Amino acid sequence: MTLLEQSQTKIITLLTDFGYSDPFVGQMKGVILSINPSVKIVDITHNIERHNIEEAAYVLYSSYKYFPSGTIHVAVVDPEVGSKRKAIVAQIDDHYFLSPDNGTISYLIRDNNFKAFEIENLKYLLKKKSPTFQGRDLFAPAAALLSKGIRIEDFGKALIEVKKFSIPEPIIVKEREALKILGQVVHIDQFGNLITNIRIEKGKPTKAILKGLSLPFVNFYSEAANKPAALINSDDLVEIFLYKGNASETLSIKKGTPVEVYING
């Protein structure tokens, strides 16, 4: 990390499945601030579904781009904590990411080049052994030291590969005068809105098919006040919703449910 990067790297984000009823998040922040009292800590969320690495990966990918270059992102959803799984620090798209090596950065490395290192240098850890809470004892101090100018190369050996999971990609099919995009629900937010992996590059979407239901496209939520509908959300993805309701519960939809979107036809 250069001196310029060091001066600009004053933000650390936190993303976990720890919730808010236990002291875990506060302890992580205490460790960070004990090492670098001037850093700004931003909570992305601590309500990731327990042990859901895929959800953590999606939320991290959806969020990081809204922070300044040089931001340090700590993402700890870690069902294999205490095992031989690696802890990693990666530089991707002028941001830094610290997480277990379990696929948390899968979306990020799909779209960007990266360099990654294992966090193994004991002098940068709070405790040499931490069988249950490496968020506090490993990732928090590493992030704080990174914010103070420690180079990512100093944490441990370089990694050519990191773990990643398969990311579902939409399929485009031509049908007469129209195009059909085959995708799926990849995220369900707290309102029960169904976020798909379908991004409309060209043309105008006319309908979405979900579990045999034909859903119209609208421009905003309240335009479809009485029935489920679809729209292009603020992340440019097709989203299915039930205004002031819960589309996931009402339609009994889970992540992975297929969705079809028709364009210009």
C-alpha atoms as a PDB file:
ATOM      1  CA  MET A   1       0.000   0.000   0.000  1.00  0.00           C
ATOM      2  CA  THR A   2       1.454   3.368  -1.001  1.00  0.00           C
ATOM      3  CA  LEU A   3       1.518   6.416   1.275  1.00  0.00           C
ATOM      4  CA  LEU A   4      -1.258   7.938  -0.839  1.00  0.00           C
ATOM      5  CA  GLU A   5      -3.365   4.788  -0.445  1.00  0.00           C
ATOM      6  CA  GLN A   6      -2.626   4.779   3.273  1.00  0.00           C
ATOM      7  CA  SER A   7      -3.851   8.357   3.652  1.00  0.00           C
ATOM      8  CA  GLN A   8      -7.034   7.569   1.763  1.00  0.00           C
ATOM      9  CA  THR A   9      -7.807   4.233   3.418  1.00  0.00           C
ATOM     10  CA  LYS A  10      -9.785   5.427   6.418  1.00  0.00           C
ATOM     11  CA  ILE A  11     -12.933   3.322   5.998  1.00  0.00           C
ATOM     12  CA  ILE A  12     -13.506  -0.244   7.152  1.00  0.00           C
ATOM     13  CA  THR A  13     -16.832  -1.916   6.389  1.00  0.00           C
ATOM     14  CA  LEU A  14     -18.189  -4.890   8.303  1.00  0.00           C
ATOM     15  CA  LEU A  15     -20.517  -7.584   6.977  1.00  0.00           C
ATOM     16  CA  THR A  16     -21.374 -10.631   9.094  1.00  0.00           C
ATOM     17  CA  ASP A  17     -24.076 -13.043  10.179  1.00  0.00           C
ATOM     18  CA  PHE A  18     -23.457 -12.195  13.851  1.00  0.00           C
ATOM     19  CA  GLY A  19     -26.705 -10.301  14.459  1.00  0.00           C
ATOM     20  CA  TYR A  20     -27.022  -7.608  17.112  1.00  0.00           C
ATOM     21  CA  SER A  21     -27.952  -9.450  20.321  1.00  0.00           C
ATOM     22  CA  ASP A  22     -24.419 -10.670  21.112  1.00  0.00           C
ATOM     23  CA  PRO A  23     -21.202  -8.706  21.789  1.00  0.00           C
ATOM     24  CA  PHE A  24     -19.440  -9.975  18.659  1.00  0.00           C
ATOM     25  CA  VAL A  25     -19.777  -6.912  16.432  1.00  0.00           C
ATOM     26  CA  GLY A  26     -18.891  -4.526  19.240  1.00  0.00           C
ATOM     27  CA  GLN A  27     -15.796  -6.526  20.097  1.00  0.00           C
ATOM     28  CA  MET A  28     -14.605  -6.411  16.491  1.00  0.00           C
ATOM     29  CA  LYS A  29     -15.050  -2.652  16.443  1.00  0.00           C
ATOM     30  CA  GLY A  30     -13.197  -2.328  19.743  1.00  0.00           C
ATOM     31  CA  VAL A  31     -10.199  -4.203  18.350  1.00  0.00           C
ATOM     32  CA  ILE A  32     -10.157  -2.089  15.199  1.00  0.00           C
ATOM     33  CA  LEU A  33     -10.387   1.208  17.082  1.00  0.00           C
ATOM     34  CA  SER A  34      -7.730   0.146  19.592  1.00  0.00           C
ATOM     35  CA  ILE A  35      -5.304  -0.205  16.691  1.00  0.00           C
ATOM     36  CA  ASN A  36      -6.496   2.734  14.600  1.00  0.00           C
ATOM     37  CA  PRO A  37      -8.749   5.164  16.510  1.00  0.00           C
ATOM     38  CA  SER A  38      -9.140   7.439  13.483  1.00  0.00           C
ATOM     39  CA  VAL A  39     -10.640   4.862  11.134  1.00  0.00           C
ATOM     40  CA  LYS A  40     -14.311   5.087  10.124  1.00  0.00           C
ATOM     41  CA  ILE A  41     -16.278   1.872  10.587  1.00  0.00           C
ATOM     42  CA  VAL A  42     -19.393   1.304   8.489  1.00  0.00           C
ATOM     43  CA  ASP A  43     -21.785  -1.605   9.057  1.00  0.00           C
ATOM     44  CA  ILE A  44     -23.061  -2.991   5.767  1.00  0.00           C
ATOM     45  CA  THR A  45     -25.173  -5.544   7.636  1.00  0.00           C
ATOM     46  CA  HIS A  46     -24.914  -8.116  10.392  1.00  0.00           C
ATOM     47  CA  ASN A  47     -28.165  -9.832   9.466  1.00  0.00           C
ATOM     48  CA  ILE A  48     -26.880 -12.154   6.764  1.00  0.00           C
ATOM     49  CA  GLU A  49     -28.699 -15.470   7.123  1.00  0.00           C
ATOM     50  CA  ARG A  50     -26.627 -17.683   9.413  1.00  0.00           C
ATOM     51  CA  HIS A  51     -23.847 -19.526   7.569  1.00  0.00           C
ATOM     52  CA  ASN A  52     -25.156 -18.338   4.175  1.00  0.00           C
ATOM     53  CA  ILE A  53     -21.959 -17.643   2.264  1.00  0.00           C
ATOM     54  CA  GLU A  54     -23.777 -17.109  -1.033  1.00  0.00           C
ATOM     55  CA  GLU A  55     -25.928 -14.352   0.469  1.00  0.00           C
ATOM     56  CA  ALA A  56     -22.873 -12.701   2.004  1.00  0.00           C
ATOM     57  CA  ALA A  57     -21.103 -12.800  -1.358  1.00  0.00           C
ATOM     58  CA  TYR A  58     -24.059 -11.203  -3.134  1.00  0.00           C
ATOM     59  CA  VAL A  59     -24.544  -8.438  -0.565  1.00  0.00           C
ATOM     60  CA  LEU A  60     -20.812  -7.663  -0.483  1.00  0.00           C
ATOM     61  CA  TYR A  61     -20.672  -7.445  -4.275  1.00  0.00           C
ATOM     62  CA  SER A  62     -23.784  -5.257  -4.371  1.00  0.00           C
ATOM     63  CA  SER A  63     -22.389  -2.862  -1.770  1.00  0.00           C
ATOM     64  CA  TYR A  64     -18.648  -2.355  -2.169  1.00  0.00           C
ATOM     65  CA  LYS A  65     -18.849  -0.200  -5.301  1.00  0.00           C
ATOM     66  CA  TYR A  66     -20.602   2.601  -3.370  1.00  0.00           C
ATOM     67  CA  PHE A  67     -17.559   3.158  -1.160  1.00  0.00           C
ATOM     68  CA  PRO A  68     -14.426   5.131  -2.072  1.00  0.00           C
ATOM     69  CA  SER A  69     -11.435   3.440  -3.628  1.00  0.00           C
ATOM     70  CA  GLY A  70      -9.132   2.053  -0.953  1.00  0.00           C
ATOM     71  CA  THR A  71     -11.965   1.031   1.374  1.00  0.00           C
ATOM     72  CA  ILE A  72     -11.288  -2.102   3.420  1.00  0.00           C
ATOM     73  CA  HIS A  73     -14.160  -4.592   3.547  1.00  0.00           C
ATOM     74  CA  VAL A  74     -14.325  -7.264   6.262  1.00  0.00           C
ATOM     75  CA  ALA A  75     -16.842 -10.013   5.484  1.00  0.00           C
ATOM     76  CA  VAL A  76     -17.119 -12.809   8.035  1.00  0.00           C
ATOM     77  CA  VAL A  77     -19.672 -15.534   7.455  1.00  0.00           C
ATOM     78  CA  ASP A  78     -17.610 -18.452   8.588  1.00  0.00           C
ATOM     79  CA  PRO A  79     -19.199 -21.837   9.307  1.00  0.00           C
ATOM     80  CA  GLU A  80     -15.711 -23.435   9.163  1.00  0.00           C
ATOM     81  CA  VAL A  81     -14.150 -21.112  11.754  1.00  0.00           C
ATOM     82  CA  GLY A  82     -11.319 -22.797  13.633  1.00  0.00           C
ATOM     83  CA  SER A  83     -10.687 -25.347  10.885  1.00  0.00           C
ATOM     84  CA  LYS A  84      -7.835 -25.454   8.368  1.00  0.00           C
ATOM     85  CA  ARG A  85      -9.647 -23.155   5.965  1.00  0.00           C
ATOM     86  CA  LYS A  86      -7.523 -20.146   4.996  1.00  0.00           C
ATOM     87  CA  ALA A  87      -8.120 -16.525   5.934  1.00  0.00           C
ATOM     88  CA  ILE A  88      -7.418 -14.199   3.028  1.00  0.00           C
ATOM     89  CA  VAL A  89      -6.878 -10.566   2.155  1.00  0.00           C
ATOM     90  CA  ALA A  90      -7.439  -9.603  -1.470  1.00  0.00           C
ATOM     91  CA  GLN A  91      -7.092  -6.453  -3.534  1.00  0.00           C
ATOM     92  CA  ILE A  92      -9.841  -6.163  -6.141  1.00  0.00           C
ATOM     93  CA  ASP A  93     -10.957  -3.116  -8.125  1.00  0.00           C
ATOM     94  CA  ASP A  94      -8.945  -0.742  -5.893  1.00  0.00           C
ATOM     95  CA  HIS A  95     -10.658  -2.098  -2.772  1.00  0.00           C
ATOM     96  CA  TYR A  96      -9.430  -4.509  -0.089  1.00  0.00           C
ATOM     97  CA  PHE A  97     -11.340  -7.554   1.111  1.00  0.00           C
ATOM     98  CA  LEU A  98     -10.705  -9.709   4.170  1.00  0.00           C
ATOM     99  CA  SER A  99     -12.696 -12.889   4.563  1.00  0.00           C
ATOM    100  CA  PRO A 100     -12.511 -16.619   5.075  1.00  0.00           C
ATOM    101  CA  ASP A 101     -11.446 -18.449   1.929  1.00  0.00           C
ATOM    102  CA  ASN A 102     -14.885 -19.933   1.404  1.00  0.00           C
ATOM    103  CA  GLY A 103     -16.277 -18.222  -1.686  1.00  0.00           C
ATOM    104  CA  THR A 104     -17.261 -14.901  -0.132  1.00  0.00           C
ATOM    105  CA  ILE A 105     -15.495 -12.982  -2.922  1.00  0.00           C
ATOM    106  CA  SER A 106     -16.861 -15.154  -5.748  1.00  0.00           C
ATOM    107  CA  TYR A 107     -18.858 -12.368  -7.421  1.00  0.00           C
ATOM    108  CA  LEU A 108     -15.933  -9.974  -7.147  1.00  0.00           C
ATOM    109  CA  ILE A 109     -13.356 -12.197  -8.808  1.00  0.00           C
ATOM    110  CA  ARG A 110     -15.818 -13.116 -11.544  1.00  0.00           C
ATOM    111  CA  ASP A 111     -15.698  -9.556 -12.867  1.00  0.00           C
ATOM    112  CA  ASN A 112     -12.226  -8.352 -11.802  1.00  0.00           C
ATOM    113  CA  ASN A 113      -8.592  -9.293 -11.621  1.00  0.00           C
ATOM    114  CA  PHE A 114      -7.305  -9.842  -8.096  1.00  0.00           C
ATOM    115  CA  LYS A 115      -4.295 -10.502  -5.982  1.00  0.00           C
ATOM    116  CA  ALA A 116      -4.723 -12.378  -2.730  1.00  0.00           C
ATOM    117  CA  PHE A 117      -2.617 -13.383   0.262  1.00  0.00           C
ATOM    118  CA  GLU A 118      -3.182 -15.698   3.167  1.00  0.00           C
ATOM    119  CA  ILE A 119      -3.455 -13.983   6.549  1.00  0.00           C
ATOM    120  CA  GLU A 120      -1.000 -16.112   8.512  1.00  0.00           C
ATOM    121  CA  ASN A 121       1.643 -13.777  10.001  1.00  0.00           C
ATOM    122  CA  LEU A 122       1.172 -14.283  13.741  1.00  0.00           C
ATOM    123  CA  LYS A 123       2.476 -10.851  14.690  1.00  0.00           C
ATOM    124  CA  TYR A 124      -0.592  -9.280  13.081  1.00  0.00           C
ATOM    125  CA  LEU A 125      -3.112 -11.397  15.009  1.00  0.00           C
ATOM    126  CA  LEU A 126      -4.755 -10.606  18.336  1.00  0.00           C
ATOM    127  CA  LYS A 127      -4.489 -14.236  19.457  1.00  0.00           C
ATOM    128  CA  LYS A 128      -2.491 -17.107  18.010  1.00  0.00           C
ATOM    129  CA  LYS A 129      -5.360 -19.535  18.603  1.00  0.00           C
ATOM    130  CA  SER A 130      -8.967 -18.524  18.071  1.00  0.00           C
ATOM    131  CA  PRO A 131     -11.178 -21.572  17.551  1.00  0.00           C
ATOM    132  CA  THR A 132     -14.507 -19.727  17.569  1.00  0.00           C
ATOM    133  CA  PHE A 133     -14.016 -16.002  16.910  1.00  0.00           C
ATOM    134  CA  GLN A 134     -11.521 -15.163  14.204  1.00  0.00           C
ATOM    135  CA  GLY A 135     -13.643 -12.172  13.233  1.00  0.00           C
ATOM    136  CA  ARG A 136     -12.303 -10.477  16.348  1.00  0.00           C
ATOM    137  CA  ASP A 137      -8.910 -12.142  16.701  1.00  0.00           C
ATOM    138  CA  LEU A 138      -7.765 -12.289  13.074  1.00  0.00           C
ATOM    139  CA  PHE A 139      -9.845 -10.264  10.622  1.00  0.00           C
ATOM    140  CA  ALA A 140     -10.406  -7.181  12.797  1.00  0.00           C
ATOM    141  CA  PRO A 141      -6.730  -6.587  13.669  1.00  0.00           C
ATOM    142  CA  ALA A 142      -5.631  -7.363  10.116  1.00  0.00           C
ATOM    143  CA  ALA A 143      -8.090  -4.806   8.722  1.00  0.00           C
ATOM    144  CA  ALA A 144      -7.015  -2.176  11.240  1.00  0.00           C
ATOM    145  CA  LEU A 145      -3.334  -2.703  10.447  1.00  0.00           C
ATOM    146  CA  LEU A 146      -4.083  -2.565   6.742  1.00  0.00           C
ATOM    147  CA  SER A 147      -5.738   0.810   7.321  1.00  0.00           C
ATOM    148  CA  LYS A 148      -2.527   2.011   8.958  1.00  0.00           C
ATOM    149  CA  GLY A 149      -0.361   1.086   5.996  1.00  0.00           C
ATOM    150  CA  ILE A 150       0.683  -2.534   6.435  1.00  0.00           C
ATOM    151  CA  ARG A 151       1.093  -4.026   2.950  1.00  0.00           C
ATOM    152  CA  ILE A 152      -1.161  -6.949   2.025  1.00  0.00           C
ATOM    153  CA  GLU A 153       1.990  -8.817   0.998  1.00  0.00           C
ATOM    154  CA  ASP A 154       3.141  -8.741   4.640  1.00  0.00           C
ATOM    155  CA  PHE A 155       0.251 -10.860   5.901  1.00  0.00           C
ATOM    156  CA  GLY A 156       1.419 -14.114   4.324  1.00  0.00           C
ATOM    157  CA  LYS A 157       2.068 -16.053   1.153  1.00  0.00           C
ATOM    158  CA  ALA A 158       0.512 -15.160  -2.177  1.00  0.00           C
ATOM    159  CA  LEU A 159      -2.454 -17.223  -3.353  1.00  0.00           C
ATOM    160  CA  ILE A 160      -2.867 -17.956  -7.051  1.00  0.00           C
ATOM    161  CA  GLU A 161      -6.345 -19.349  -6.536  1.00  0.00           C
ATOM    162  CA  VAL A 162      -9.054 -18.806  -3.951  1.00  0.00           C
ATOM    163  CA  LYS A 163     -12.240 -20.740  -3.369  1.00  0.00           C
ATOM    164  CA  LYS A 164     -15.287 -19.721  -5.382  1.00  0.00           C
ATOM    165  CA  PHE A 165     -18.730 -21.093  -6.041  1.00  0.00           C
ATOM    166  CA  SER A 166     -20.594 -21.261  -9.316  1.00  0.00           C
ATOM    167  CA  ILE A 167     -22.588 -18.098  -9.978  1.00  0.00           C
ATOM    168  CA  PRO A 168     -25.816 -18.652 -11.940  1.00  0.00           C
ATOM    169  CA  GLU A 169     -25.809 -16.771 -15.231  1.00  0.00           C
ATOM    170  CA  PRO A 170     -28.931 -15.943 -17.270  1.00  0.00           C
ATOM    171  CA  ILE A 171     -29.466 -17.570 -20.662  1.00  0.00           C
ATOM    172  CA  ILE A 172     -30.850 -15.659 -23.659  1.00  0.00           C
ATOM    173  CA  VAL A 173     -33.153 -17.532 -26.045  1.00  0.00           C
ATOM    174  CA  LYS A 174     -34.588 -16.059 -29.265  1.00  0.00           C
ATOM    175  CA  GLU A 175     -38.279 -16.723 -29.862  1.00  0.00           C
ATOM    176  CA  ARG A 176     -39.704 -15.395 -33.134  1.00  0.00           C
ATOM    177  CA  GLU A 177     -39.884 -11.628 -32.729  1.00  0.00           C
ATOM    178  CA  ALA A 178     -38.959 -11.657 -29.062  1.00  0.00           C
ATOM    179  CA  LEU A 179     -36.144 -12.577 -26.746  1.00  0.00           C
ATOM    180  CA  LYS A 180     -36.576 -14.692 -23.652  1.00  0.00           C
ATOM    181  CA  ILE A 181     -34.112 -14.495 -20.786  1.00  0.00           C
ATOM    182  CA  LEU A 182     -33.948 -17.466 -18.439  1.00  0.00           C
ATOM    183  CA  GLY A 183     -32.705 -16.565 -14.992  1.00  0.00           C
ATOM    184  CA  GLN A 184     -33.451 -17.168 -11.342  1.00  0.00           C
ATOM    185  CA  VAL A 185     -34.034 -15.524  -7.990  1.00  0.00           C
ATOM    186  CA  VAL A 186     -30.632 -14.881  -6.398  1.00  0.00           C
ATOM    187  CA  HIS A 187     -31.597 -12.750  -3.401  1.00  0.00           C
ATOM    188  CA  ILE A 188     -34.662 -12.047  -1.261  1.00  0.00           C
ATOM    189  CA  ASP A 189     -34.597  -8.804   0.695  1.00  0.00           C
ATOM    190  CA  GLN A 190     -36.300  -8.129   4.024  1.00  0.00           C
ATOM    191  CA  PHE A 191     -39.421  -6.867   2.256  1.00  0.00           C
ATOM    192  CA  GLY A 192     -39.803 -10.197   0.484  1.00  0.00           C
ATOM    193  CA  ASN A 193     -38.846  -8.695  -2.871  1.00  0.00           C
ATOM    194  CA  LEU A 194     -37.323 -11.212  -5.274  1.00  0.00           C
ATOM    195  CA  ILE A 195     -34.076 -10.030  -6.854  1.00  0.00           C
ATOM    196  CA  THR A 196     -33.122 -11.941  -9.990  1.00  0.00           C
ATOM    197  CA  ASN A 197     -29.866 -12.272 -11.900  1.00  0.00           C
ATOM    198  CA  ILE A 198     -31.496 -10.862 -15.039  1.00  0.00           C
ATOM    199  CA  ARG A 199     -30.177  -7.570 -16.344  1.00  0.00           C
ATOM    200  CA  ILE A 200     -31.879  -5.985 -19.359  1.00  0.00           C
ATOM    201  CA  GLU A 201     -29.201  -4.726 -21.746  1.00  0.00           C
ATOM    202  CA  LYS A 202     -31.430  -3.860 -24.724  1.00  0.00           C
ATOM    203  CA  GLY A 203     -35.105  -3.699 -25.498  1.00  0.00           C
ATOM    204  CA  LYS A 204     -38.149  -3.323 -23.305  1.00  0.00           C
ATOM    205  CA  PRO A 205     -39.273  -6.114 -20.971  1.00  0.00           C
ATOM    206  CA  THR A 206     -42.944  -6.950 -21.354  1.00  0.00           C
ATOM    207  CA  LYS A 207     -43.614  -9.720 -18.848  1.00  0.00           C
ATOM    208  CA  ALA A 208     -41.979 -12.012 -16.328  1.00  0.00           C
ATOM    209  CA  ILE A 209     -43.012 -15.621 -15.781  1.00  0.00           C
ATOM    210  CA  LEU A 210     -42.659 -17.032 -12.278  1.00  0.00           C
ATOM    211  CA  LYS A 211     -44.143 -20.404 -11.254  1.00  0.00           C
ATOM    212  CA  GLY A 212     -46.601 -20.184 -14.131  1.00  0.00           C
ATOM    213  CA  LEU A 213     -47.695 -16.636 -13.252  1.00  0.00           C
ATOM    214  CA  SER A 214     -47.433 -13.934 -15.914  1.00  0.00           C
ATOM    215  CA  LEU A 215     -46.385 -10.695 -14.247  1.00  0.00           C
ATOM    216  CA  PRO A 216     -46.492  -7.263 -15.907  1.00  0.00           C
ATOM    217  CA  PHE A 217     -43.613  -4.808 -15.773  1.00  0.00           C
ATOM    218  CA  VAL A 218     -44.207  -1.475 -14.070  1.00  0.00           C
ATOM    219  CA  ASN A 219     -42.048   1.559 -13.372  1.00  0.00           C
ATOM    220  CA  PHE A 220     -42.349   1.725  -9.580  1.00  0.00           C
ATOM    221  CA  TYR A 221     -43.824  -0.272  -6.694  1.00  0.00           C
ATOM    222  CA  SER A 222     -47.069   1.584  -6.108  1.00  0.00           C
ATOM    223  CA  GLU A 223     -47.986   1.339  -9.777  1.00  0.00           C
ATOM    224  CA  ALA A 224     -48.999  -2.278  -9.075  1.00  0.00           C
ATOM    225  CA  ALA A 225     -50.872  -1.862  -5.830  1.00  0.00           C
ATOM    226  CA  ASN A 226     -52.985  -5.019  -5.840  1.00  0.00           C
ATOM    227  CA  LYS A 227     -50.999  -7.818  -7.455  1.00  0.00           C
ATOM    228  CA  PRO A 228     -47.446  -9.102  -7.919  1.00  0.00           C
ATOM    229  CA  ALA A 229     -45.473  -7.392 -10.655  1.00  0.00           C
ATOM    230  CA  ALA A 230     -41.945  -6.881 -11.952  1.00  0.00           C
ATOM    231  CA  LEU A 231     -39.740  -3.858 -12.459  1.00  0.00           C
ATOM    232  CA  ILE A 232     -36.148  -2.898 -13.174  1.00  0.00           C
ATOM    233  CA  ASN A 233     -34.720  -1.955  -9.804  1.00  0.00           C
ATOM    234  CA  SER A 234     -32.077   0.600  -8.893  1.00  0.00           C
ATOM    235  CA  ASP A 235     -29.321  -1.964  -9.508  1.00  0.00           C
ATOM    236  CA  ASP A 236     -30.671  -2.501 -13.042  1.00  0.00           C
ATOM    237  CA  LEU A 237     -31.869  -6.014 -12.197  1.00  0.00           C
ATOM    238  CA  VAL A 238     -35.310  -7.509 -12.702  1.00  0.00           C
ATOM    239  CA  GLU A 239     -37.123  -7.565  -9.375  1.00  0.00           C
ATOM    240  CA  ILE A 240     -40.475  -9.158  -8.564  1.00  0.00           C
ATOM    241  CA  PHE A 241     -42.516  -7.674  -5.735  1.00  0.00           C
ATOM    242  CA  LEU A 242     -45.871  -7.387  -4.050  1.00  0.00           C
ATOM    243  CA  TYR A 243     -46.585  -3.788  -3.086  1.00  0.00           C
ATOM    244  CA  LYS A 244     -46.780  -3.471   0.725  1.00  0.00           C
ATOM    245  CA  GLY A 245     -46.699  -7.249   0.867  1.00  0.00           C
ATOM    246  CA  ASN A 246     -44.178 -10.056   0.795  1.00  0.00           C
ATOM    247  CA  ALA A 247     -43.774 -11.687  -2.608  1.00  0.00           C
ATOM    248  CA  SER A 248     -41.543 -14.442  -1.273  1.00  0.00           C
ATOM    249  CA  GLU A 249     -44.060 -15.603   1.333  1.00  0.00           C
ATOM    250  CA  THR A 250     -47.203 -14.984  -0.719  1.00  0.00           C
ATOM    251  CA  LEU A 251     -45.898 -16.826  -3.776  1.00  0.00           C
ATOM    252  CA  SER A 252     -43.841 -19.388  -1.801  1.00  0.00           C
ATOM    253  CA  ILE A 253     -40.633 -18.471  -3.608  1.00  0.00           C
ATOM    254  CA  LYS A 254     -37.117 -19.381  -2.534  1.00  0.00           C
ATOM    255  CA  LYS A 255     -33.721 -18.475  -3.912  1.00  0.00           C
ATOM    256  CA  GLY A 256     -32.968 -20.469  -7.030  1.00  0.00           C
ATOM    257  CA  THR A 257     -36.564 -20.344  -8.344  1.00  0.00           C
ATOM    258  CA  PRO A 258     -36.496 -19.984 -12.159  1.00  0.00           C
ATOM    259  CA  VAL A 259     -37.707 -16.759 -13.750  1.00  0.00           C
ATOM    260  CA  GLU A 260     -38.355 -15.998 -17.410  1.00  0.00           C
ATOM    261  CA  VAL A 261     -38.399 -12.477 -18.819  1.00  0.00           C
ATOM    262  CA  TYR A 262     -39.678 -11.621 -22.279  1.00  0.00           C
ATOM    263  CA  ILE A 263     -38.278  -8.683 -24.230  1.00  0.00           C
ATOM    264  CA  ASN A 264     -40.206  -6.841 -26.960  1.00  0.00           C
ATOM    265  CA  GLY A 265     -42.831  -9.493 -27.425  1.00  0.00           C
END
